[in-house]
């Protein structure tokens, strides 16, 4: 089994829609650290699991310097973002989304 890991930093803003009062309901930004894990039993014709630059293009180009509420069709919590990233990248099985030093959400496919 081959595994590749791509780490990205994305600067983006969001506001959360919550069922309780929170300062996170106001628009605010993070320098998100997104770590993407991909694996495959066989390498592709180019000798890769997936191209690192394709991962960056797929995720950074869509999220960097954006208001996530404008580009994502769901409440942009770190948990939801992790799941969405995993669904965008071929061979991805796990994503970590760190929105601040002490706050990380992980999505992993079953």
PDB file of N, CA and C in Angstrom:
ATOM      1  N   UNK A   1       0.849  -1.180   0.000  1.00  0.00           N
ATOM      2  CA  UNK A   1       0.000   0.000   0.000  1.00  0.00           C
ATOM      3  C   UNK A   1       0.893   1.240   0.000  1.00  0.00           C
ATOM      4  N   UNK A   2       0.571   2.189  -0.851  1.00  0.00           N
ATOM      5  CA  UNK A   2       1.294   3.452  -0.929  1.00  0.00           C
ATOM      6  C   UNK A   2       0.451   4.541  -0.269  1.00  0.00           C
ATOM      7  N   UNK A   3       1.098   5.429   0.444  1.00  0.00           N
ATOM      8  CA  UNK A   3       0.411   6.552   1.077  1.00  0.00           C
ATOM      9  C   UNK A   3       1.168   7.832   0.763  1.00  0.00           C
ATOM     10  N   UNK A   4       0.433   8.884   0.419  1.00  0.00           N
ATOM     11  CA  UNK A   4       1.010  10.215   0.266  1.00  0.00           C
ATOM     12  C   UNK A   4       0.234  11.161   1.175  1.00  0.00           C
ATOM     13  N   UNK A   5       0.941  12.161   1.670  1.00  0.00           N
ATOM     14  CA  UNK A   5       0.349  13.139   2.571  1.00  0.00           C
ATOM     15  C   UNK A   5       0.661  14.526   2.039  1.00  0.00           C
ATOM     16  N   UNK A   6      -0.365  15.332   1.858  1.00  0.00           N
ATOM     17  CA  UNK A   6      -0.196  16.709   1.388  1.00  0.00           C
ATOM     18  C   UNK A   6      -0.707  17.650   2.467  1.00  0.00           C
ATOM     19  N   UNK A   7       0.112  18.611   2.840  1.00  0.00           N
ATOM     20  CA  UNK A   7      -0.261  19.604   3.838  1.00  0.00           C
ATOM     21  C   UNK A   7      -0.395  20.950   3.140  1.00  0.00           C
ATOM     22  N   UNK A   8      -1.531  21.605   3.340  1.00  0.00           N
ATOM     23  CA  UNK A   8      -1.809  22.899   2.738  1.00  0.00           C
ATOM     24  C   UNK A   8      -2.116  23.924   3.812  1.00  0.00           C
ATOM     25  N   UNK A   9      -1.817  25.166   3.548  1.00  0.00           N
ATOM     26  CA  UNK A   9      -2.306  26.253   4.394  1.00  0.00           C
ATOM     27  C   UNK A   9      -3.229  27.112   3.548  1.00  0.00           C
ATOM     28  N   UNK A  10      -4.418  27.336   4.066  1.00  0.00           N
ATOM     29  CA  UNK A  10      -5.441  28.093   3.360  1.00  0.00           C
ATOM     30  C   UNK A  10      -5.908  29.213   4.276  1.00  0.00           C
ATOM     31  N   UNK A  11      -5.889  30.432   3.789  1.00  0.00           N
ATOM     32  CA  UNK A  11      -6.443  31.567   4.537  1.00  0.00           C
ATOM     33  C   UNK A  11      -7.863  31.789   4.057  1.00  0.00           C
ATOM     34  N   UNK A  12      -8.809  31.674   4.982  1.00  0.00           N
ATOM     35  CA  UNK A  12     -10.206  31.813   4.592  1.00  0.00           C
ATOM     36  C   UNK A  12     -11.045  32.226   5.794  1.00  0.00           C
ATOM     37  N   UNK A  13     -12.152  32.864   5.500  1.00  0.00           N
ATOM     38  CA  UNK A  13     -13.091  33.307   6.525  1.00  0.00           C
ATOM     39  C   UNK A  13     -14.336  32.422   6.513  1.00  0.00           C
ATOM     40  N   UNK A  14     -15.040  32.435   7.635  1.00  0.00           N
ATOM     41  CA  UNK A  14     -16.339  31.766   7.704  1.00  0.00           C
ATOM     42  C   UNK A  14     -17.124  32.328   8.874  1.00  0.00           C
ATOM     43  N   UNK A  15     -18.411  32.063   8.869  1.00  0.00           N
ATOM     44  CA  UNK A  15     -19.265  32.312  10.022  1.00  0.00           C
ATOM     45  C   UNK A  15     -20.123  31.068  10.167  1.00  0.00           C
ATOM     46  N   UNK A  16     -20.323  30.652  11.386  1.00  0.00           N
ATOM     47  CA  UNK A  16     -21.044  29.402  11.631  1.00  0.00           C
ATOM     48  C   UNK A  16     -22.507  29.673  11.961  1.00  0.00           C
ATOM     49  N   UNK A  17     -23.364  28.793  11.498  1.00  0.00           N
ATOM     50  CA  UNK A  17     -24.780  28.825  11.846  1.00  0.00           C
ATOM     51  C   UNK A  17     -24.957  27.785  12.952  1.00  0.00           C
ATOM     52  N   UNK A  18     -25.191  28.263  14.160  1.00  0.00           N
ATOM     53  CA  UNK A  18     -25.225  27.387  15.322  1.00  0.00           C
ATOM     54  C   UNK A  18     -26.576  27.438  16.022  1.00  0.00           C
ATOM     55  N   UNK A  19     -26.856  26.425  16.826  1.00  0.00           N
ATOM     56  CA  UNK A  19     -28.117  26.354  17.561  1.00  0.00           C
ATOM     57  C   UNK A  19     -28.016  27.033  18.918  1.00  0.00           C
ATOM     58  N   UNK A  20     -26.919  27.725  19.180  1.00  0.00           N
ATOM     59  CA  UNK A  20     -26.689  28.411  20.446  1.00  0.00           C
ATOM     60  C   UNK A  20     -25.903  29.689  20.162  1.00  0.00           C
ATOM     61  N   UNK A  21     -25.993  30.691  21.026  1.00  0.00           N
ATOM     62  CA  UNK A  21     -25.242  31.932  20.809  1.00  0.00           C
ATOM     63  C   UNK A  21     -23.730  31.684  20.897  1.00  0.00           C
ATOM     64  N   UNK A  22     -22.997  32.254  19.947  1.00  0.00           N
ATOM     65  CA  UNK A  22     -21.543  32.078  19.921  1.00  0.00           C
ATOM     66  C   UNK A  22     -20.913  33.209  19.118  1.00  0.00           C
ATOM     67  N   UNK A  23     -19.717  33.613  19.526  1.00  0.00           N
ATOM     68  CA  UNK A  23     -18.994  34.621  18.752  1.00  0.00           C
ATOM     69  C   UNK A  23     -18.626  34.085  17.369  1.00  0.00           C
ATOM     70  N   UNK A  24     -18.619  32.772  17.194  1.00  0.00           N
ATOM     71  CA  UNK A  24     -18.278  32.171  15.899  1.00  0.00           C
ATOM     72  C   UNK A  24     -19.370  32.370  14.850  1.00  0.00           C
ATOM     73  N   UNK A  25     -20.506  32.914  15.268  1.00  0.00           N
ATOM     74  CA  UNK A  25     -21.557  33.247  14.303  1.00  0.00           C
ATOM     75  C   UNK A  25     -21.193  34.499  13.512  1.00  0.00           C
ATOM     76  N   UNK A  26     -20.266  35.288  14.035  1.00  0.00           N
ATOM     77  CA  UNK A  26     -19.788  36.477  13.321  1.00  0.00           C
ATOM     78  C   UNK A  26     -18.681  36.054  12.340  1.00  0.00           C
ATOM     79  N   UNK A  27     -18.597  36.746  11.225  1.00  0.00           N
ATOM     80  CA  UNK A  27     -17.565  36.456  10.227  1.00  0.00           C
ATOM     81  C   UNK A  27     -16.183  36.633  10.854  1.00  0.00           C
ATOM     82  N   UNK A  28     -15.339  35.622  10.683  1.00  0.00           N
ATOM     83  CA  UNK A  28     -13.971  35.656  11.204  1.00  0.00           C
ATOM     84  C   UNK A  28     -13.113  34.748  10.329  1.00  0.00           C
ATOM     85  N   UNK A  29     -11.808  34.860  10.457  1.00  0.00           N
ATOM     86  CA  UNK A  29     -10.922  34.091   9.580  1.00  0.00           C
ATOM     87  C   UNK A  29      -9.941  33.231  10.334  1.00  0.00           C
ATOM     88  N   UNK A  30      -9.380  32.278   9.599  1.00  0.00           N
ATOM     89  CA  UNK A  30      -8.350  31.378  10.115  1.00  0.00           C
ATOM     90  C   UNK A  30      -7.299  31.169   9.032  1.00  0.00           C
ATOM     91  N   UNK A  31      -6.114  30.810   9.453  1.00  0.00           N
ATOM     92  CA  UNK A  31      -5.124  30.233   8.551  1.00  0.00           C
ATOM     93  C   UNK A  31      -5.222  28.728   8.777  1.00  0.00           C
ATOM     94  N   UNK A  32      -6.074  28.098   8.005  1.00  0.00           N
ATOM     95  CA  UNK A  32      -6.378  26.682   8.143  1.00  0.00           C
ATOM     96  C   UNK A  32      -5.186  25.844   7.692  1.00  0.00           C
ATOM     97  N   UNK A  33      -4.860  24.822   8.447  1.00  0.00           N
ATOM     98  CA  UNK A  33      -3.871  23.832   8.031  1.00  0.00           C
ATOM     99  C   UNK A  33      -4.664  22.578   7.685  1.00  0.00           C
ATOM    100  N   UNK A  34      -4.578  22.173   6.433  1.00  0.00           N
ATOM    101  CA  UNK A  34      -5.334  21.012   5.954  1.00  0.00           C
ATOM    102  C   UNK A  34      -4.327  19.937   5.557  1.00  0.00           C
ATOM    103  N   UNK A  35      -4.440  18.784   6.195  1.00  0.00           N
ATOM    104  CA  UNK A  35      -3.558  17.667   5.897  1.00  0.00           C
ATOM    105  C   UNK A  35      -4.394  16.569   5.260  1.00  0.00           C
ATOM    106  N   UNK A  36      -3.985  16.164   4.065  1.00  0.00           N
ATOM    107  CA  UNK A  36      -4.752  15.242   3.227  1.00  0.00           C
ATOM    108  C   UNK A  36      -3.958  13.958   3.067  1.00  0.00           C
ATOM    109  N   UNK A  37      -4.587  12.839   3.376  1.00  0.00           N
ATOM    110  CA  UNK A  37      -3.959  11.516   3.297  1.00  0.00           C
ATOM    111  C   UNK A  37      -4.605  10.730   2.152  1.00  0.00           C
ATOM    112  N   UNK A  38      -3.781  10.249   1.231  1.00  0.00           N
ATOM    113  CA  UNK A  38      -4.258   9.456   0.099  1.00  0.00           C
ATOM    114  C   UNK A  38      -3.484   8.145   0.054  1.00  0.00           C
ATOM    115  N   UNK A  39      -4.146   7.082  -0.400  1.00  0.00           N
ATOM    116  CA  UNK A  39      -3.443   5.806  -0.517  1.00  0.00           C
ATOM    117  C   UNK A  39      -3.997   5.010  -1.697  1.00  0.00           C
ATOM    118  N   UNK A  40      -3.145   4.106  -2.159  1.00  0.00           N
ATOM    119  CA  UNK A  40      -3.528   3.229  -3.262  1.00  0.00           C
ATOM    120  C   UNK A  40      -2.661   1.972  -3.215  1.00  0.00           C
ATOM    121  N   UNK A  41      -3.234   0.876  -3.651  1.00  0.00           N
ATOM    122  CA  UNK A  41      -2.464  -0.379  -3.734  1.00  0.00           C
ATOM    123  C   UNK A  41      -1.507  -0.353  -4.913  1.00  0.00           C
ATOM    124  N   UNK A  42      -1.920   0.304  -5.972  1.00  0.00           N
ATOM    125  CA  UNK A  42      -1.117   0.386  -7.203  1.00  0.00           C
ATOM    126  C   UNK A  42      -0.870   1.848  -7.532  1.00  0.00           C
ATOM    127  N   UNK A  43       0.288   2.138  -8.084  1.00  0.00           N
ATOM    128  CA  UNK A  43       0.582   3.484  -8.546  1.00  0.00           C
ATOM    129  C   UNK A  43      -0.029   3.698  -9.922  1.00  0.00           C
ATOM    130  N   UNK A  44      -0.339   4.952 -10.250  1.00  0.00           N
ATOM    131  CA  UNK A  44      -0.892   5.237 -11.577  1.00  0.00           C
ATOM    132  C   UNK A  44       0.211   5.152 -12.635  1.00  0.00           C
ATOM    133  N   UNK A  45      -0.125   5.429 -13.864  1.00  0.00           N
ATOM    134  CA  UNK A  45       0.823   5.305 -14.980  1.00  0.00           C
ATOM    135  C   UNK A  45       2.038   6.220 -14.809  1.00  0.00           C
ATOM    136  N   UNK A  46       1.891   7.271 -14.012  1.00  0.00           N
ATOM    137  CA  UNK A  46       2.996   8.195 -13.768  1.00  0.00           C
ATOM    138  C   UNK A  46       3.822   7.814 -12.542  1.00  0.00           C
ATOM    139  N   UNK A  47       3.471   6.701 -11.902  1.00  0.00           N
ATOM    140  CA  UNK A  47       4.208   6.259 -10.730  1.00  0.00           C
ATOM    141  C   UNK A  47       3.814   6.971  -9.448  1.00  0.00           C
ATOM    142  N   UNK A  48       2.570   7.448  -9.394  1.00  0.00           N
ATOM    143  CA  UNK A  48       2.097   8.206  -8.232  1.00  0.00           C
ATOM    144  C   UNK A  48       0.787   7.637  -7.705  1.00  0.00           C
ATOM    145  N   UNK A  49       0.510   7.920  -6.434  1.00  0.00           N
ATOM    146  CA  UNK A  49      -0.838   7.701  -5.907  1.00  0.00           C
ATOM    147  C   UNK A  49      -1.738   8.776  -6.505  1.00  0.00           C
ATOM    148  N   UNK A  50      -1.324  10.000  -6.350  1.00  0.00           N
ATOM    149  CA  UNK A  50      -1.960  11.171  -6.964  1.00  0.00           C
ATOM    150  C   UNK A  50      -0.935  12.298  -6.962  1.00  0.00           C
ATOM    151  N   UNK A  51      -1.059  13.206  -7.870  1.00  0.00           N
ATOM    152  CA  UNK A  51      -0.086  14.290  -7.991  1.00  0.00           C
ATOM    153  C   UNK A  51      -0.333  15.339  -6.895  1.00  0.00           C
ATOM    154  N   UNK A  52       0.709  15.681  -6.143  1.00  0.00           N
ATOM    155  CA  UNK A  52       0.589  16.678  -5.080  1.00  0.00           C
ATOM    156  C   UNK A  52       0.034  17.994  -5.611  1.00  0.00           C
ATOM    157  N   UNK A  53       0.476  18.391  -6.811  1.00  0.00           N
ATOM    158  CA  UNK A  53       0.011  19.669  -7.364  1.00  0.00           C
ATOM    159  C   UNK A  53      -1.472  19.622  -7.706  1.00  0.00           C
ATOM    160  N   UNK A  54      -2.001  18.455  -8.066  1.00  0.00           N
ATOM    161  CA  UNK A  54      -3.437  18.337  -8.333  1.00  0.00           C
ATOM    162  C   UNK A  54      -4.243  18.505  -7.055  1.00  0.00           C
ATOM    163  N   UNK A  55      -3.728  17.975  -5.957  1.00  0.00           N
ATOM    164  CA  UNK A  55      -4.409  18.149  -4.664  1.00  0.00           C
ATOM    165  C   UNK A  55      -4.459  19.640  -4.324  1.00  0.00           C
ATOM    166  N   UNK A  56      -3.323  20.312  -4.439  1.00  0.00           N
ATOM    167  CA  UNK A  56      -3.272  21.742  -4.128  1.00  0.00           C
ATOM    168  C   UNK A  56      -4.221  22.528  -5.019  1.00  0.00           C
ATOM    169  N   UNK A  57      -4.214  22.205  -6.304  1.00  0.00           N
ATOM    170  CA  UNK A  57      -5.079  22.906  -7.246  1.00  0.00           C
ATOM    171  C   UNK A  57      -6.539  22.694  -6.891  1.00  0.00           C
ATOM    172  N   UNK A  58      -6.909  21.492  -6.558  1.00  0.00           N
ATOM    173  CA  UNK A  58      -8.310  21.167  -6.258  1.00  0.00           C
ATOM    174  C   UNK A  58      -8.808  21.869  -4.999  1.00  0.00           C
ATOM    175  N   UNK A  59      -7.971  21.954  -3.975  1.00  0.00           N
ATOM    176  CA  UNK A  59      -8.417  22.488  -2.696  1.00  0.00           C
ATOM    177  C   UNK A  59      -8.057  23.967  -2.533  1.00  0.00           C
ATOM    178  N   UNK A  60      -6.806  24.316  -2.654  1.00  0.00           N
ATOM    179  CA  UNK A  60      -6.399  25.716  -2.439  1.00  0.00           C
ATOM    180  C   UNK A  60      -7.081  26.665  -3.412  1.00  0.00           C
ATOM    181  N   UNK A  61      -7.159  26.273  -4.659  1.00  0.00           N
ATOM    182  CA  UNK A  61      -7.756  27.155  -5.667  1.00  0.00           C
ATOM    183  C   UNK A  61      -9.223  27.448  -5.356  1.00  0.00           C
ATOM    184  N   UNK A  62      -9.887  26.539  -4.668  1.00  0.00           N
ATOM    185  CA  UNK A  62     -11.309  26.723  -4.369  1.00  0.00           C
ATOM    186  C   UNK A  62     -11.565  27.386  -3.020  1.00  0.00           C
ATOM    187  N   UNK A  63     -10.609  27.302  -2.088  1.00  0.00           N
ATOM    188  CA  UNK A  63     -10.860  27.796  -0.735  1.00  0.00           C
ATOM    189  C   UNK A  63     -10.000  28.986  -0.310  1.00  0.00           C
ATOM    190  N   UNK A  64      -8.788  29.115  -0.840  1.00  0.00           N
ATOM    191  CA  UNK A  64      -7.861  30.124  -0.341  1.00  0.00           C
ATOM    192  C   UNK A  64      -8.374  31.535  -0.598  1.00  0.00           C
ATOM    193  N   UNK A  65      -8.316  32.369   0.428  1.00  0.00           N
ATOM    194  CA  UNK A  65      -8.740  33.768   0.388  1.00  0.00           C
ATOM    195  C   UNK A  65     -10.206  33.906  -0.027  1.00  0.00           C
ATOM    196  N   UNK A  66     -11.035  33.020   0.500  1.00  0.00           N
ATOM    197  CA  UNK A  66     -12.474  33.045   0.232  1.00  0.00           C
ATOM    198  C   UNK A  66     -13.252  33.135   1.527  1.00  0.00           C
ATOM    199  N   UNK A  67     -14.501  33.545   1.400  1.00  0.00           N
ATOM    200  CA  UNK A  67     -15.471  33.375   2.477  1.00  0.00           C
ATOM    201  C   UNK A  67     -16.078  31.995   2.247  1.00  0.00           C
ATOM    202  N   UNK A  68     -15.797  31.054   3.122  1.00  0.00           N
ATOM    203  CA  UNK A  68     -16.230  29.672   2.927  1.00  0.00           C
ATOM    204  C   UNK A  68     -17.742  29.545   2.851  1.00  0.00           C
ATOM    205  N   UNK A  69     -18.469  30.453   3.485  1.00  0.00           N
ATOM    206  CA  UNK A  69     -19.932  30.437   3.397  1.00  0.00           C
ATOM    207  C   UNK A  69     -20.403  30.683   1.965  1.00  0.00           C
ATOM    208  N   UNK A  70     -19.596  31.379   1.177  1.00  0.00           N
ATOM    209  CA  UNK A  70     -19.960  31.679  -0.208  1.00  0.00           C
ATOM    210  C   UNK A  70     -19.611  30.556  -1.173  1.00  0.00           C
ATOM    211  N   UNK A  71     -18.669  29.686  -0.814  1.00  0.00           N
ATOM    212  CA  UNK A  71     -18.196  28.676  -1.774  1.00  0.00           C
ATOM    213  C   UNK A  71     -18.551  27.241  -1.385  1.00  0.00           C
ATOM    214  N   UNK A  72     -18.978  27.018  -0.161  1.00  0.00           N
ATOM    215  CA  UNK A  72     -19.328  25.663   0.271  1.00  0.00           C
ATOM    216  C   UNK A  72     -20.828  25.593   0.560  1.00  0.00           C
ATOM    217  N   UNK A  73     -21.487  24.506   0.177  1.00  0.00           N
ATOM    218  CA  UNK A  73     -22.942  24.415   0.303  1.00  0.00           C
ATOM    219  C   UNK A  73     -23.420  23.864   1.653  1.00  0.00           C
ATOM    220  N   UNK A  74     -22.657  24.100   2.720  1.00  0.00           N
ATOM    221  CA  UNK A  74     -22.999  23.569   4.040  1.00  0.00           C
ATOM    222  C   UNK A  74     -22.424  24.498   5.104  1.00  0.00           C
ATOM    223  N   UNK A  75     -22.819  24.272   6.335  1.00  0.00           N
ATOM    224  CA  UNK A  75     -22.271  25.032   7.462  1.00  0.00           C
ATOM    225  C   UNK A  75     -20.775  24.711   7.550  1.00  0.00           C
ATOM    226  N   UNK A  76     -19.900  25.696   7.338  1.00  0.00           N
ATOM    227  CA  UNK A  76     -18.469  25.415   7.194  1.00  0.00           C
ATOM    228  C   UNK A  76     -17.731  25.209   8.526  1.00  0.00           C
ATOM    229  N   UNK A  77     -18.152  24.201   9.267  1.00  0.00           N
ATOM    230  CA  UNK A  77     -17.401  23.789  10.452  1.00  0.00           C
ATOM    231  C   UNK A  77     -16.156  23.044   9.997  1.00  0.00           C
ATOM    232  N   UNK A  78     -15.169  22.939  10.873  1.00  0.00           N
ATOM    233  CA  UNK A  78     -13.954  22.196  10.531  1.00  0.00           C
ATOM    234  C   UNK A  78     -14.289  20.751  10.179  1.00  0.00           C
ATOM    235  N   UNK A  79     -15.245  20.160  10.883  1.00  0.00           N
ATOM    236  CA  UNK A  79     -15.644  18.772  10.613  1.00  0.00           C
ATOM    237  C   UNK A  79     -16.231  18.619   9.208  1.00  0.00           C
ATOM    238  N   UNK A  80     -17.135  19.535   8.844  1.00  0.00           N
ATOM    239  CA  UNK A  80     -17.740  19.469   7.511  1.00  0.00           C
ATOM    240  C   UNK A  80     -16.723  19.745   6.413  1.00  0.00           C
ATOM    241  N   UNK A  81     -15.808  20.661   6.665  1.00  0.00           N
ATOM    242  CA  UNK A  81     -14.759  20.953   5.677  1.00  0.00           C
ATOM    243  C   UNK A  81     -13.880  19.728   5.466  1.00  0.00           C
ATOM    244  N   UNK A  82     -13.526  19.041   6.546  1.00  0.00           N
ATOM    245  CA  UNK A  82     -12.696  17.835   6.423  1.00  0.00           C
ATOM    246  C   UNK A  82     -13.368  16.788   5.553  1.00  0.00           C
ATOM    247  N   UNK A  83     -14.657  16.548   5.767  1.00  0.00           N
ATOM    248  CA  UNK A  83     -15.385  15.572   4.951  1.00  0.00           C
ATOM    249  C   UNK A  83     -15.414  16.011   3.487  1.00  0.00           C
ATOM    250  N   UNK A  84     -15.698  17.287   3.237  1.00  0.00           N
ATOM    251  CA  UNK A  84     -15.781  17.801   1.874  1.00  0.00           C
ATOM    252  C   UNK A  84     -14.449  17.643   1.149  1.00  0.00           C
ATOM    253  N   UNK A  85     -13.342  18.004   1.812  1.00  0.00           N
ATOM    254  CA  UNK A  85     -12.020  17.861   1.192  1.00  0.00           C
ATOM    255  C   UNK A  85     -11.776  16.409   0.816  1.00  0.00           C
ATOM    256  N   UNK A  86     -12.104  15.498   1.712  1.00  0.00           N
ATOM    257  CA  UNK A  86     -11.896  14.073   1.447  1.00  0.00           C
ATOM    258  C   UNK A  86     -12.658  13.627   0.194  1.00  0.00           C
ATOM    259  N   UNK A  87     -13.836  14.169  -0.007  1.00  0.00           N
ATOM    260  CA  UNK A  87     -14.663  13.807  -1.165  1.00  0.00           C
ATOM    261  C   UNK A  87     -14.137  14.403  -2.471  1.00  0.00           C
ATOM    262  N   UNK A  88     -13.314  15.450  -2.391  1.00  0.00           N
ATOM    263  CA  UNK A  88     -12.817  16.128  -3.601  1.00  0.00           C
ATOM    264  C   UNK A  88     -11.568  15.493  -4.176  1.00  0.00           C
ATOM    265  N   UNK A  89     -10.793  14.790  -3.349  1.00  0.00           N
ATOM    266  CA  UNK A  89      -9.455  14.344  -3.747  1.00  0.00           C
ATOM    267  C   UNK A  89      -9.458  12.841  -4.019  1.00  0.00           C
ATOM    268  N   UNK A  90      -9.053  12.423  -5.209  1.00  0.00           N
ATOM    269  CA  UNK A  90      -8.991  10.986  -5.508  1.00  0.00           C
ATOM    270  C   UNK A  90      -8.067  10.250  -4.545  1.00  0.00           C
ATOM    271  N   UNK A  91      -8.480   9.075  -4.140  1.00  0.00           N
ATOM    272  CA  UNK A  91      -7.724   8.180  -3.257  1.00  0.00           C
ATOM    273  C   UNK A  91      -7.585   8.701  -1.833  1.00  0.00           C
ATOM    274  N   UNK A  92      -8.301   9.779  -1.497  1.00  0.00           N
ATOM    275  CA  UNK A  92      -8.218  10.326  -0.142  1.00  0.00           C
ATOM    276  C   UNK A  92      -9.028   9.457   0.809  1.00  0.00           C
ATOM    277  N   UNK A  93      -8.453   9.188   1.979  1.00  0.00           N
ATOM    278  CA  UNK A  93      -9.167   8.407   2.991  1.00  0.00           C
ATOM    279  C   UNK A  93      -9.225   9.110   4.339  1.00  0.00           C
ATOM    280  N   UNK A  94      -8.455  10.202   4.497  1.00  0.00           N
ATOM    281  CA  UNK A  94      -8.425  10.892   5.783  1.00  0.00           C
ATOM    282  C   UNK A  94      -8.008  12.343   5.566  1.00  0.00           C
ATOM    283  N   UNK A  95      -8.656  13.241   6.315  1.00  0.00           N
ATOM    284  CA  UNK A  95      -8.303  14.662   6.247  1.00  0.00           C
ATOM    285  C   UNK A  95      -8.328  15.238   7.659  1.00  0.00           C
ATOM    286  N   UNK A  96      -7.306  16.019   7.967  1.00  0.00           N
ATOM    287  CA  UNK A  96      -7.255  16.776   9.214  1.00  0.00           C
ATOM    288  C   UNK A  96      -7.379  18.256   8.864  1.00  0.00           C
ATOM    289  N   UNK A  97      -8.262  18.948   9.561  1.00  0.00           N
ATOM    290  CA  UNK A  97      -8.440  20.381   9.360  1.00  0.00           C
ATOM    291  C   UNK A  97      -8.175  21.071  10.691  1.00  0.00           C
ATOM    292  N   UNK A  98      -7.111  21.850  10.714  1.00  0.00           N
ATOM    293  CA  UNK A  98      -6.753  22.595  11.921  1.00  0.00           C
ATOM    294  C   UNK A  98      -7.106  24.052  11.687  1.00  0.00           C
ATOM    295  N   UNK A  99      -8.032  24.567  12.500  1.00  0.00           N
ATOM    296  CA  UNK A  99      -8.437  25.961  12.321  1.00  0.00           C
ATOM    297  C   UNK A  99      -7.672  26.904  13.242  1.00  0.00           C
ATOM    298  N   UNK A 100      -7.084  26.373  14.299  1.00  0.00           N
ATOM    299  CA  UNK A 100      -6.239  27.155  15.194  1.00  0.00           C
ATOM    300  C   UNK A 100      -5.329  26.185  15.936  1.00  0.00           C
ATOM    301  N   UNK A 101      -4.414  26.714  16.698  1.00  0.00           N
ATOM    302  CA  UNK A 101      -3.390  25.888  17.347  1.00  0.00           C
ATOM    303  C   UNK A 101      -3.973  24.712  18.127  1.00  0.00           C
ATOM    304  N   UNK A 102      -5.056  24.917  18.812  1.00  0.00           N
ATOM    305  CA  UNK A 102      -5.589  23.845  19.647  1.00  0.00           C
ATOM    306  C   UNK A 102      -6.843  23.175  19.126  1.00  0.00           C
ATOM    307  N   UNK A 103      -7.267  23.494  17.898  1.00  0.00           N
ATOM    308  CA  UNK A 103      -8.544  22.982  17.386  1.00  0.00           C
ATOM    309  C   UNK A 103      -8.369  22.287  16.043  1.00  0.00           C
ATOM    310  N   UNK A 104      -8.521  20.971  16.055  1.00  0.00           N
ATOM    311  CA  UNK A 104      -8.384  20.158  14.837  1.00  0.00           C
ATOM    312  C   UNK A 104      -9.550  19.206  14.731  1.00  0.00           C
ATOM    313  N   UNK A 105     -10.097  19.076  13.523  1.00  0.00           N
ATOM    314  CA  UNK A 105     -11.138  18.094  13.244  1.00  0.00           C
ATOM    315  C   UNK A 105     -10.575  17.093  12.239  1.00  0.00           C
ATOM    316  N   UNK A 106     -10.948  15.827  12.395  1.00  0.00           N
ATOM    317  CA  UNK A 106     -10.476  14.760  11.503  1.00  0.00           C
ATOM    318  C   UNK A 106     -11.675  14.032  10.932  1.00  0.00           C
ATOM    319  N   UNK A 107     -11.636  13.832   9.617  1.00  0.00           N
ATOM    320  CA  UNK A 107     -12.625  12.970   8.956  1.00  0.00           C
ATOM    321  C   UNK A 107     -11.862  11.812   8.356  1.00  0.00           C
ATOM    322  N   UNK A 108     -12.359  10.615   8.570  1.00  0.00           N
ATOM    323  CA  UNK A 108     -11.739   9.418   8.006  1.00  0.00           C
ATOM    324  C   UNK A 108     -12.838   8.527   7.457  1.00  0.00           C
ATOM    325  N   UNK A 109     -12.659   8.077   6.208  1.00  0.00           N
ATOM    326  CA  UNK A 109     -13.638   7.162   5.607  1.00  0.00           C
ATOM    327  C   UNK A 109     -13.618   5.836   6.349  1.00  0.00           C
ATOM    328  N   UNK A 110     -14.784   5.197   6.393  1.00  0.00           N
ATOM    329  CA  UNK A 110     -14.875   3.864   7.022  1.00  0.00           C
ATOM    330  C   UNK A 110     -14.064   2.851   6.249  1.00  0.00           C
TER     331      UNK A 110
END
